[in-house]
Amino acid sequence: MLLALNKPFGVMCKFSPEPGKPTLADWVAVPHVYPAGRLDTDSEGLLLLTDDGPLQARIADPC
């Protein structure tokens, strides 16, 4: 599975809770997906999420 999310400004690029800060868990209700790459909390834009480990590694590979 591959999902595209327009990550809003101020949302942390992780699913684990962070007291007082919004995370991907507040925006994505699909279980067992993980971000392929990262965006800073103070940036917004396209973030890909997947449940496919090899695909995640290929997307995040800088080469």
PDB file of N, CA and C in Angstrom:
ATOM      1  N   MET A   1       0.840  -1.162   0.000  1.00  0.00           N
ATOM      2  CA  MET A   1       0.000   0.000   0.000  1.00  0.00           C
ATOM      3  C   MET A   1       0.893   1.236   0.000  1.00  0.00           C
ATOM      4  N   LEU A   2       0.490   2.232  -0.747  1.00  0.00           N
ATOM      5  CA  LEU A   2       1.221   3.488  -0.805  1.00  0.00           C
ATOM      6  C   LEU A   2       0.209   4.619  -0.661  1.00  0.00           C
ATOM      7  N   LEU A   3       0.417   5.465   0.313  1.00  0.00           N
ATOM      8  CA  LEU A   3      -0.465   6.611   0.549  1.00  0.00           C
ATOM      9  C   LEU A   3       0.323   7.896   0.368  1.00  0.00           C
ATOM     10  N   ALA A   4      -0.331   8.909  -0.150  1.00  0.00           N
ATOM     11  CA  ALA A   4       0.270  10.233  -0.272  1.00  0.00           C
ATOM     12  C   ALA A   4      -0.468  11.167   0.687  1.00  0.00           C
ATOM     13  N   LEU A   5       0.289  11.903   1.478  1.00  0.00           N
ATOM     14  CA  LEU A   5      -0.278  12.838   2.448  1.00  0.00           C
ATOM     15  C   LEU A   5       0.352  14.205   2.232  1.00  0.00           C
ATOM     16  N   ASN A   6      -0.465  15.228   2.172  1.00  0.00           N
ATOM     17  CA  ASN A   6       0.042  16.592   2.164  1.00  0.00           C
ATOM     18  C   ASN A   6       0.203  16.990   3.628  1.00  0.00           C
ATOM     19  N   LYS A   7       1.408  16.750   4.169  1.00  0.00           N
ATOM     20  CA  LYS A   7       1.654  16.976   5.590  1.00  0.00           C
ATOM     21  C   LYS A   7       1.516  18.463   5.921  1.00  0.00           C
ATOM     22  N   PRO A   8       0.645  18.764   6.873  1.00  0.00           N
ATOM     23  CA  PRO A   8       0.482  20.157   7.270  1.00  0.00           C
ATOM     24  C   PRO A   8       1.667  20.671   8.085  1.00  0.00           C
ATOM     25  N   PHE A   9       1.846  21.967   8.068  1.00  0.00           N
ATOM     26  CA  PHE A   9       2.842  22.646   8.895  1.00  0.00           C
ATOM     27  C   PHE A   9       2.561  22.324  10.362  1.00  0.00           C
ATOM     28  N   GLY A  10       3.603  22.048  11.124  1.00  0.00           N
ATOM     29  CA  GLY A  10       3.466  21.821  12.562  1.00  0.00           C
ATOM     30  C   GLY A  10       3.207  20.389  12.980  1.00  0.00           C
ATOM     31  N   VAL A  11       3.045  19.485  12.022  1.00  0.00           N
ATOM     32  CA  VAL A  11       2.801  18.074  12.341  1.00  0.00           C
ATOM     33  C   VAL A  11       4.132  17.337  12.326  1.00  0.00           C
ATOM     34  N   MET A  12       4.396  16.578  13.403  1.00  0.00           N
ATOM     35  CA  MET A  12       5.630  15.802  13.483  1.00  0.00           C
ATOM     36  C   MET A  12       5.523  14.565  12.594  1.00  0.00           C
ATOM     37  N   CYS A  13       6.623  14.193  11.962  1.00  0.00           N
ATOM     38  CA  CYS A  13       6.675  13.080  11.005  1.00  0.00           C
ATOM     39  C   CYS A  13       6.884  11.752  11.716  1.00  0.00           C
ATOM     40  N   LYS A  14       6.008  11.446  12.650  1.00  0.00           N
ATOM     41  CA  LYS A  14       6.070  10.169  13.358  1.00  0.00           C
ATOM     42  C   LYS A  14       4.678   9.848  13.877  1.00  0.00           C
ATOM     43  N   PHE A  15       4.456   8.583  14.222  1.00  0.00           N
ATOM     44  CA  PHE A  15       3.162   8.151  14.718  1.00  0.00           C
ATOM     45  C   PHE A  15       3.119   8.062  16.237  1.00  0.00           C
ATOM     46  N   SER A  16       4.271   7.915  16.886  1.00  0.00           N
ATOM     47  CA  SER A  16       4.266   7.797  18.340  1.00  0.00           C
ATOM     48  C   SER A  16       3.875   9.131  18.973  1.00  0.00           C
ATOM     49  N   PRO A  17       3.153   9.078  20.082  1.00  0.00           N
ATOM     50  CA  PRO A  17       2.647  10.302  20.699  1.00  0.00           C
ATOM     51  C   PRO A  17       3.765  11.227  21.182  1.00  0.00           C
ATOM     52  N   GLU A  18       3.495  12.483  21.087  1.00  0.00           N
ATOM     53  CA  GLU A  18       4.404  13.523  21.563  1.00  0.00           C
ATOM     54  C   GLU A  18       3.517  14.523  22.304  1.00  0.00           C
ATOM     55  N   PRO A  19       3.624  14.589  23.628  1.00  0.00           N
ATOM     56  CA  PRO A  19       2.723  15.445  24.404  1.00  0.00           C
ATOM     57  C   PRO A  19       2.658  16.884  23.881  1.00  0.00           C
ATOM     58  N   GLY A  20       1.443  17.319  23.578  1.00  0.00           N
ATOM     59  CA  GLY A  20       1.214  18.689  23.156  1.00  0.00           C
ATOM     60  C   GLY A  20       1.547  18.998  21.710  1.00  0.00           C
ATOM     61  N   LYS A  21       1.942  17.988  20.927  1.00  0.00           N
ATOM     62  CA  LYS A  21       2.312  18.229  19.528  1.00  0.00           C
ATOM     63  C   LYS A  21       1.565  17.254  18.626  1.00  0.00           C
ATOM     64  N   PRO A  22       1.026  17.728  17.502  1.00  0.00           N
ATOM     65  CA  PRO A  22       0.344  16.812  16.584  1.00  0.00           C
ATOM     66  C   PRO A  22       1.339  15.917  15.850  1.00  0.00           C
ATOM     67  N   THR A  23       0.938  14.677  15.616  1.00  0.00           N
ATOM     68  CA  THR A  23       1.765  13.713  14.887  1.00  0.00           C
ATOM     69  C   THR A  23       0.949  13.141  13.727  1.00  0.00           C
ATOM     70  N   LEU A  24       1.564  12.290  12.940  1.00  0.00           N
ATOM     71  CA  LEU A  24       0.868  11.660  11.820  1.00  0.00           C
ATOM     72  C   LEU A  24      -0.346  10.863  12.287  1.00  0.00           C
ATOM     73  N   ALA A  25      -0.310  10.349  13.504  1.00  0.00           N
ATOM     74  CA  ALA A  25      -1.435   9.583  14.036  1.00  0.00           C
ATOM     75  C   ALA A  25      -2.703  10.424  14.118  1.00  0.00           C
ATOM     76  N   ASP A  26      -2.558  11.734  14.212  1.00  0.00           N
ATOM     77  CA  ASP A  26      -3.717  12.629  14.249  1.00  0.00           C
ATOM     78  C   ASP A  26      -4.331  12.827  12.866  1.00  0.00           C
ATOM     79  N   TRP A  27      -3.623  12.457  11.810  1.00  0.00           N
ATOM     80  CA  TRP A  27      -4.059  12.697  10.436  1.00  0.00           C
ATOM     81  C   TRP A  27      -4.307  11.420   9.642  1.00  0.00           C
ATOM     82  N   VAL A  28      -3.663  10.320  10.017  1.00  0.00           N
ATOM     83  CA  VAL A  28      -3.752   9.080   9.236  1.00  0.00           C
ATOM     84  C   VAL A  28      -4.323   7.982  10.123  1.00  0.00           C
ATOM     85  N   ALA A  29      -5.453   7.414   9.691  1.00  0.00           N
ATOM     86  CA  ALA A  29      -6.117   6.368  10.479  1.00  0.00           C
ATOM     87  C   ALA A  29      -5.842   4.968   9.937  1.00  0.00           C
ATOM     88  N   VAL A  30      -4.916   4.844   9.008  1.00  0.00           N
ATOM     89  CA  VAL A  30      -4.576   3.546   8.415  1.00  0.00           C
ATOM     90  C   VAL A  30      -3.497   2.889   9.274  1.00  0.00           C
ATOM     91  N   PRO A  31      -3.746   1.668   9.771  1.00  0.00           N
ATOM     92  CA  PRO A  31      -2.738   1.017  10.621  1.00  0.00           C
ATOM     93  C   PRO A  31      -1.561   0.462   9.825  1.00  0.00           C
ATOM     94  N   HIS A  32      -0.430   0.375  10.488  1.00  0.00           N
ATOM     95  CA  HIS A  32       0.768  -0.299   9.972  1.00  0.00           C
ATOM     96  C   HIS A  32       1.382   0.347   8.733  1.00  0.00           C
ATOM     97  N   VAL A  33       1.260   1.666   8.593  1.00  0.00           N
ATOM     98  CA  VAL A  33       1.984   2.370   7.537  1.00  0.00           C
ATOM     99  C   VAL A  33       3.030   3.256   8.205  1.00  0.00           C
ATOM    100  N   TYR A  34       4.105   3.493   7.488  1.00  0.00           N
ATOM    101  CA  TYR A  34       5.224   4.271   8.014  1.00  0.00           C
ATOM    102  C   TYR A  34       5.685   5.267   6.969  1.00  0.00           C
ATOM    103  N   PRO A  35       6.202   6.420   7.405  1.00  0.00           N
ATOM    104  CA  PRO A  35       6.659   7.406   6.429  1.00  0.00           C
ATOM    105  C   PRO A  35       7.895   6.931   5.682  1.00  0.00           C
ATOM    106  N   ALA A  36       7.908   7.195   4.386  1.00  0.00           N
ATOM    107  CA  ALA A  36       9.075   6.915   3.546  1.00  0.00           C
ATOM    108  C   ALA A  36       9.773   8.257   3.341  1.00  0.00           C
ATOM    109  N   GLY A  37      10.654   8.601   4.253  1.00  0.00           N
ATOM    110  CA  GLY A  37      11.292   9.907   4.267  1.00  0.00           C
ATOM    111  C   GLY A  37      10.753  10.735   5.425  1.00  0.00           C
ATOM    112  N   ARG A  38      11.207  11.951   5.510  1.00  0.00           N
ATOM    113  CA  ARG A  38      10.780  12.815   6.609  1.00  0.00           C
ATOM    114  C   ARG A  38      10.675  14.251   6.123  1.00  0.00           C
ATOM    115  N   LEU A  39       9.789  14.970   6.751  1.00  0.00           N
ATOM    116  CA  LEU A  39       9.707  16.414   6.588  1.00  0.00           C
ATOM    117  C   LEU A  39       9.823  17.025   7.969  1.00  0.00           C
ATOM    118  N   ASP A  40      10.512  18.126   8.081  1.00  0.00           N
ATOM    119  CA  ASP A  40      10.618  18.806   9.364  1.00  0.00           C
ATOM    120  C   ASP A  40       9.234  19.220   9.851  1.00  0.00           C
ATOM    121  N   THR A  41       9.096  19.353  11.147  1.00  0.00           N
ATOM    122  CA  THR A  41       7.834  19.784  11.733  1.00  0.00           C
ATOM    123  C   THR A  41       7.401  21.135  11.175  1.00  0.00           C
ATOM    124  N   ASP A  42       8.367  22.017  10.942  1.00  0.00           N
ATOM    125  CA  ASP A  42       8.031  23.354  10.458  1.00  0.00           C
ATOM    126  C   ASP A  42       7.991  23.463   8.934  1.00  0.00           C
ATOM    127  N   SER A  43       7.775  22.328   8.253  1.00  0.00           N
ATOM    128  CA  SER A  43       7.591  22.358   6.806  1.00  0.00           C
ATOM    129  C   SER A  43       6.321  21.587   6.461  1.00  0.00           C
ATOM    130  N   GLU A  44       5.840  21.809   5.260  1.00  0.00           N
ATOM    131  CA  GLU A  44       4.656  21.106   4.789  1.00  0.00           C
ATOM    132  C   GLU A  44       4.934  20.590   3.385  1.00  0.00           C
ATOM    133  N   GLY A  45       4.186  19.567   2.982  1.00  0.00           N
ATOM    134  CA  GLY A  45       4.379  19.042   1.636  1.00  0.00           C
ATOM    135  C   GLY A  45       4.065  17.567   1.539  1.00  0.00           C
ATOM    136  N   LEU A  46       4.408  16.996   0.386  1.00  0.00           N
ATOM    137  CA  LEU A  46       4.092  15.602   0.092  1.00  0.00           C
ATOM    138  C   LEU A  46       4.929  14.661   0.949  1.00  0.00           C
ATOM    139  N   LEU A  47       4.245  13.749   1.612  1.00  0.00           N
ATOM    140  CA  LEU A  47       4.889  12.705   2.389  1.00  0.00           C
ATOM    141  C   LEU A  47       4.270  11.380   1.964  1.00  0.00           C
ATOM    142  N   LEU A  48       5.101  10.423   1.589  1.00  0.00           N
ATOM    143  CA  LEU A  48       4.612   9.105   1.213  1.00  0.00           C
ATOM    144  C   LEU A  48       4.653   8.185   2.419  1.00  0.00           C
ATOM    145  N   LEU A  49       3.601   7.393   2.577  1.00  0.00           N
ATOM    146  CA  LEU A  49       3.500   6.421   3.661  1.00  0.00           C
ATOM    147  C   LEU A  49       3.251   5.059   3.037  1.00  0.00           C
ATOM    148  N   THR A  50       3.875   4.027   3.587  1.00  0.00           N
ATOM    149  CA  THR A  50       3.725   2.681   3.023  1.00  0.00           C
ATOM    150  C   THR A  50       3.819   1.623   4.116  1.00  0.00           C
ATOM    151  N   ASP A  51       3.275   0.464   3.801  1.00  0.00           N
ATOM    152  CA  ASP A  51       3.430  -0.703   4.678  1.00  0.00           C
ATOM    153  C   ASP A  51       4.422  -1.695   4.082  1.00  0.00           C
ATOM    154  N   ASP A  52       5.072  -1.319   2.997  1.00  0.00           N
ATOM    155  CA  ASP A  52       6.008  -2.172   2.262  1.00  0.00           C
ATOM    156  C   ASP A  52       7.442  -1.754   2.611  1.00  0.00           C
ATOM    157  N   GLY A  53       8.116  -2.534   3.447  1.00  0.00           N
ATOM    158  CA  GLY A  53       9.468  -2.210   3.900  1.00  0.00           C
ATOM    159  C   GLY A  53      10.478  -2.010   2.780  1.00  0.00           C
ATOM    160  N   PRO A  54      10.571  -2.935   1.805  1.00  0.00           N
ATOM    161  CA  PRO A  54      11.521  -2.732   0.706  1.00  0.00           C
ATOM    162  C   PRO A  54      11.214  -1.478  -0.118  1.00  0.00           C
ATOM    163  N   LEU A  55       9.946  -1.181  -0.341  1.00  0.00           N
ATOM    164  CA  LEU A  55       9.581   0.032  -1.070  1.00  0.00           C
ATOM    165  C   LEU A  55       9.976   1.272  -0.270  1.00  0.00           C
ATOM    166  N   GLN A  56       9.745   1.236   1.014  1.00  0.00           N
ATOM    167  CA  GLN A  56      10.127   2.352   1.886  1.00  0.00           C
ATOM    168  C   GLN A  56      11.635   2.597   1.797  1.00  0.00           C
ATOM    169  N   ALA A  57      12.415   1.532   1.822  1.00  0.00           N
ATOM    170  CA  ALA A  57      13.867   1.661   1.737  1.00  0.00           C
ATOM    171  C   ALA A  57      14.294   2.238   0.387  1.00  0.00           C
ATOM    172  N   ARG A  58      13.651   1.806  -0.707  1.00  0.00           N
ATOM    173  CA  ARG A  58      13.985   2.336  -2.037  1.00  0.00           C
ATOM    174  C   ARG A  58      13.640   3.814  -2.153  1.00  0.00           C
ATOM    175  N   ILE A  59      12.501   4.215  -1.624  1.00  0.00           N
ATOM    176  CA  ILE A  59      12.105   5.625  -1.683  1.00  0.00           C
ATOM    177  C   ILE A  59      13.045   6.486  -0.876  1.00  0.00           C
ATOM    178  N   ALA A  60      13.460   6.023   0.293  1.00  0.00           N
ATOM    179  CA  ALA A  60      14.280   6.817   1.199  1.00  0.00           C
ATOM    180  C   ALA A  60      15.777   6.760   0.861  1.00  0.00           C
ATOM    181  N   ASP A  61      16.188   5.843  -0.020  1.00  0.00           N
ATOM    182  CA  ASP A  61      17.604   5.716  -0.377  1.00  0.00           C
ATOM    183  C   ASP A  61      18.072   6.948  -1.151  1.00  0.00           C
ATOM    184  N   PRO A  62      19.130   7.639  -0.682  1.00  0.00           N
ATOM    185  CA  PRO A  62      19.573   8.846  -1.357  1.00  0.00           C
ATOM    186  C   PRO A  62      20.291   8.595  -2.684  1.00  0.00           C
ATOM    187  N   CYS A  63      20.614   7.358  -3.000  1.00  0.00           N
ATOM    188  CA  CYS A  63      21.337   7.063  -4.263  1.00  0.00           C
ATOM    189  C   CYS A  63      20.424   6.857  -5.424  1.00  0.00           C
TER     190      CYS A  63
END
